[in-house]
């Protein structure tokens, strides 16, 4: 693997390093949603959800479509959902988890 590929993977893991962002990605893995729905489902504040969505969007992990005035978010690539689900499952299998 090239140095560029390793750097890109490190950036991906950096974007995934927050449990709140993982929670949002898992919610979006169930289906697209607007910020208000993500706030309600996640229990996070609206400013925090928006901040995490900006980070996830900048990393190319989520995409946004505008429907009227509302921004609807979705997972950009189903591989992302698999990575998150696999990581959560793996963490749950570890001793002491």
C-alpha atoms as a PDB file:
ATOM      1  CA  UNK A   1       0.000   0.000   0.000  1.00  0.00           C
ATOM      2  CA  UNK A   2       1.256   3.473  -0.842  1.00  0.00           C
ATOM      3  CA  UNK A   3       2.016   6.192   1.676  1.00  0.00           C
ATOM      4  CA  UNK A   4      -0.905   8.164   0.211  1.00  0.00           C
ATOM      5  CA  UNK A   5      -3.229   5.228   0.843  1.00  0.00           C
ATOM      6  CA  UNK A   6      -2.054   4.940   4.435  1.00  0.00           C
ATOM      7  CA  UNK A   7      -2.524   8.664   4.983  1.00  0.00           C
ATOM      8  CA  UNK A   8      -6.049   8.480   3.572  1.00  0.00           C
ATOM      9  CA  UNK A   9      -6.862   5.527   5.840  1.00  0.00           C
ATOM     10  CA  UNK A  10      -5.503   7.437   8.853  1.00  0.00           C
ATOM     11  CA  UNK A  11      -7.755  10.393   7.995  1.00  0.00           C
ATOM     12  CA  UNK A  12     -10.723   8.022   7.728  1.00  0.00           C
ATOM     13  CA  UNK A  13     -10.014   6.587  11.164  1.00  0.00           C
ATOM     14  CA  UNK A  14      -9.568  10.092  12.569  1.00  0.00           C
ATOM     15  CA  UNK A  15     -13.068  10.988  11.354  1.00  0.00           C
ATOM     16  CA  UNK A  16     -14.382   7.782  12.929  1.00  0.00           C
ATOM     17  CA  UNK A  17     -12.632   8.401  16.257  1.00  0.00           C
ATOM     18  CA  UNK A  18     -15.664   9.958  17.969  1.00  0.00           C
ATOM     19  CA  UNK A  19     -18.389   7.792  19.496  1.00  0.00           C
ATOM     20  CA  UNK A  20     -20.890  10.529  18.606  1.00  0.00           C
ATOM     21  CA  UNK A  21     -19.890  10.393  14.946  1.00  0.00           C
ATOM     22  CA  UNK A  22     -20.128   6.596  15.026  1.00  0.00           C
ATOM     23  CA  UNK A  23     -23.621   6.912  16.509  1.00  0.00           C
ATOM     24  CA  UNK A  24     -24.654   9.282  13.716  1.00  0.00           C
ATOM     25  CA  UNK A  25     -23.214   6.980  11.054  1.00  0.00           C
ATOM     26  CA  UNK A  26     -25.099   4.019  12.508  1.00  0.00           C
ATOM     27  CA  UNK A  27     -28.326   6.037  12.501  1.00  0.00           C
ATOM     28  CA  UNK A  28     -27.732   7.093   8.900  1.00  0.00           C
ATOM     29  CA  UNK A  29     -26.973   3.478   8.042  1.00  0.00           C
ATOM     30  CA  UNK A  30     -30.616   2.777   8.879  1.00  0.00           C
ATOM     31  CA  UNK A  31     -31.776   5.446   6.439  1.00  0.00           C
ATOM     32  CA  UNK A  32     -31.389   9.058   5.446  1.00  0.00           C
ATOM     33  CA  UNK A  33     -32.376  11.731   7.949  1.00  0.00           C
ATOM     34  CA  UNK A  34     -32.429  15.445   8.585  1.00  0.00           C
ATOM     35  CA  UNK A  35     -30.619  17.180  11.418  1.00  0.00           C
ATOM     36  CA  UNK A  36     -33.748  17.381  13.595  1.00  0.00           C
ATOM     37  CA  UNK A  37     -34.361  13.634  13.321  1.00  0.00           C
ATOM     38  CA  UNK A  38     -30.699  12.932  14.107  1.00  0.00           C
ATOM     39  CA  UNK A  39     -30.846  15.216  17.150  1.00  0.00           C
ATOM     40  CA  UNK A  40     -33.907  13.371  18.438  1.00  0.00           C
ATOM     41  CA  UNK A  41     -32.561   9.881  17.721  1.00  0.00           C
ATOM     42  CA  UNK A  42     -29.034  10.513  19.014  1.00  0.00           C
ATOM     43  CA  UNK A  43     -29.791  12.622  22.079  1.00  0.00           C
ATOM     44  CA  UNK A  44     -27.071  15.060  21.013  1.00  0.00           C
ATOM     45  CA  UNK A  45     -27.599  18.808  20.784  1.00  0.00           C
ATOM     46  CA  UNK A  46     -28.332  20.372  17.397  1.00  0.00           C
ATOM     47  CA  UNK A  47     -25.030  22.326  17.257  1.00  0.00           C
ATOM     48  CA  UNK A  48     -23.083  19.153  18.090  1.00  0.00           C
ATOM     49  CA  UNK A  49     -24.912  17.083  15.460  1.00  0.00           C
ATOM     50  CA  UNK A  50     -24.249  19.781  12.859  1.00  0.00           C
ATOM     51  CA  UNK A  51     -20.569  19.951  13.800  1.00  0.00           C
ATOM     52  CA  UNK A  52     -20.152  16.162  13.558  1.00  0.00           C
ATOM     53  CA  UNK A  53     -22.008  16.066  10.235  1.00  0.00           C
ATOM     54  CA  UNK A  54     -19.629  18.711   8.868  1.00  0.00           C
ATOM     55  CA  UNK A  55     -16.665  16.547   9.892  1.00  0.00           C
ATOM     56  CA  UNK A  56     -18.219  13.415   8.373  1.00  0.00           C
ATOM     57  CA  UNK A  57     -19.077  15.270   5.173  1.00  0.00           C
ATOM     58  CA  UNK A  58     -15.558  16.706   4.867  1.00  0.00           C
ATOM     59  CA  UNK A  59     -14.209  13.156   5.205  1.00  0.00           C
ATOM     60  CA  UNK A  60     -16.538  11.992   2.430  1.00  0.00           C
ATOM     61  CA  UNK A  61     -18.423   9.659   4.771  1.00  0.00           C
ATOM     62  CA  UNK A  62     -21.840  11.291   4.434  1.00  0.00           C
ATOM     63  CA  UNK A  63     -23.537  13.221   1.670  1.00  0.00           C
ATOM     64  CA  UNK A  64     -26.263  15.811   1.837  1.00  0.00           C
ATOM     65  CA  UNK A  65     -29.193  16.535  -0.431  1.00  0.00           C
ATOM     66  CA  UNK A  66     -31.373  19.600  -0.097  1.00  0.00           C
ATOM     67  CA  UNK A  67     -35.125  19.100  -0.017  1.00  0.00           C
ATOM     68  CA  UNK A  68     -36.563  22.587   0.094  1.00  0.00           C
ATOM     69  CA  UNK A  69     -34.900  24.223   3.078  1.00  0.00           C
ATOM     70  CA  UNK A  70     -34.033  20.956   4.802  1.00  0.00           C
ATOM     71  CA  UNK A  71     -30.706  19.159   4.490  1.00  0.00           C
ATOM     72  CA  UNK A  72     -31.129  15.390   4.270  1.00  0.00           C
ATOM     73  CA  UNK A  73     -28.045  13.350   5.142  1.00  0.00           C
ATOM     74  CA  UNK A  74     -27.171   9.820   4.076  1.00  0.00           C
ATOM     75  CA  UNK A  75     -24.166   7.524   4.212  1.00  0.00           C
ATOM     76  CA  UNK A  76     -22.013   8.225   1.166  1.00  0.00           C
ATOM     77  CA  UNK A  77     -20.866   4.626   0.777  1.00  0.00           C
ATOM     78  CA  UNK A  78     -22.288   1.432   2.275  1.00  0.00           C
ATOM     79  CA  UNK A  79     -18.730   0.276   2.987  1.00  0.00           C
ATOM     80  CA  UNK A  80     -18.672   2.930   5.698  1.00  0.00           C
ATOM     81  CA  UNK A  81     -21.629   1.298   7.454  1.00  0.00           C
ATOM     82  CA  UNK A  82     -19.876  -2.066   7.279  1.00  0.00           C
ATOM     83  CA  UNK A  83     -16.670  -0.613   8.748  1.00  0.00           C
ATOM     84  CA  UNK A  84     -18.576   0.945  11.635  1.00  0.00           C
ATOM     85  CA  UNK A  85     -20.675  -2.165  12.303  1.00  0.00           C
ATOM     86  CA  UNK A  86     -17.604  -4.415  12.160  1.00  0.00           C
ATOM     87  CA  UNK A  87     -15.651  -2.142  14.521  1.00  0.00           C
ATOM     88  CA  UNK A  88     -18.509  -2.055  17.044  1.00  0.00           C
ATOM     89  CA  UNK A  89     -18.915  -5.836  16.851  1.00  0.00           C
ATOM     90  CA  UNK A  90     -15.168  -6.355  17.239  1.00  0.00           C
ATOM     91  CA  UNK A  91     -15.010  -4.040  20.252  1.00  0.00           C
ATOM     92  CA  UNK A  92     -17.876  -5.942  21.873  1.00  0.00           C
ATOM     93  CA  UNK A  93     -15.979  -9.224  21.484  1.00  0.00           C
ATOM     94  CA  UNK A  94     -12.905  -7.975  23.336  1.00  0.00           C
ATOM     95  CA  UNK A  95     -12.287  -9.126  26.923  1.00  0.00           C
ATOM     96  CA  UNK A  96     -13.514  -6.539  29.388  1.00  0.00           C
ATOM     97  CA  UNK A  97     -15.930  -5.002  26.874  1.00  0.00           C
END
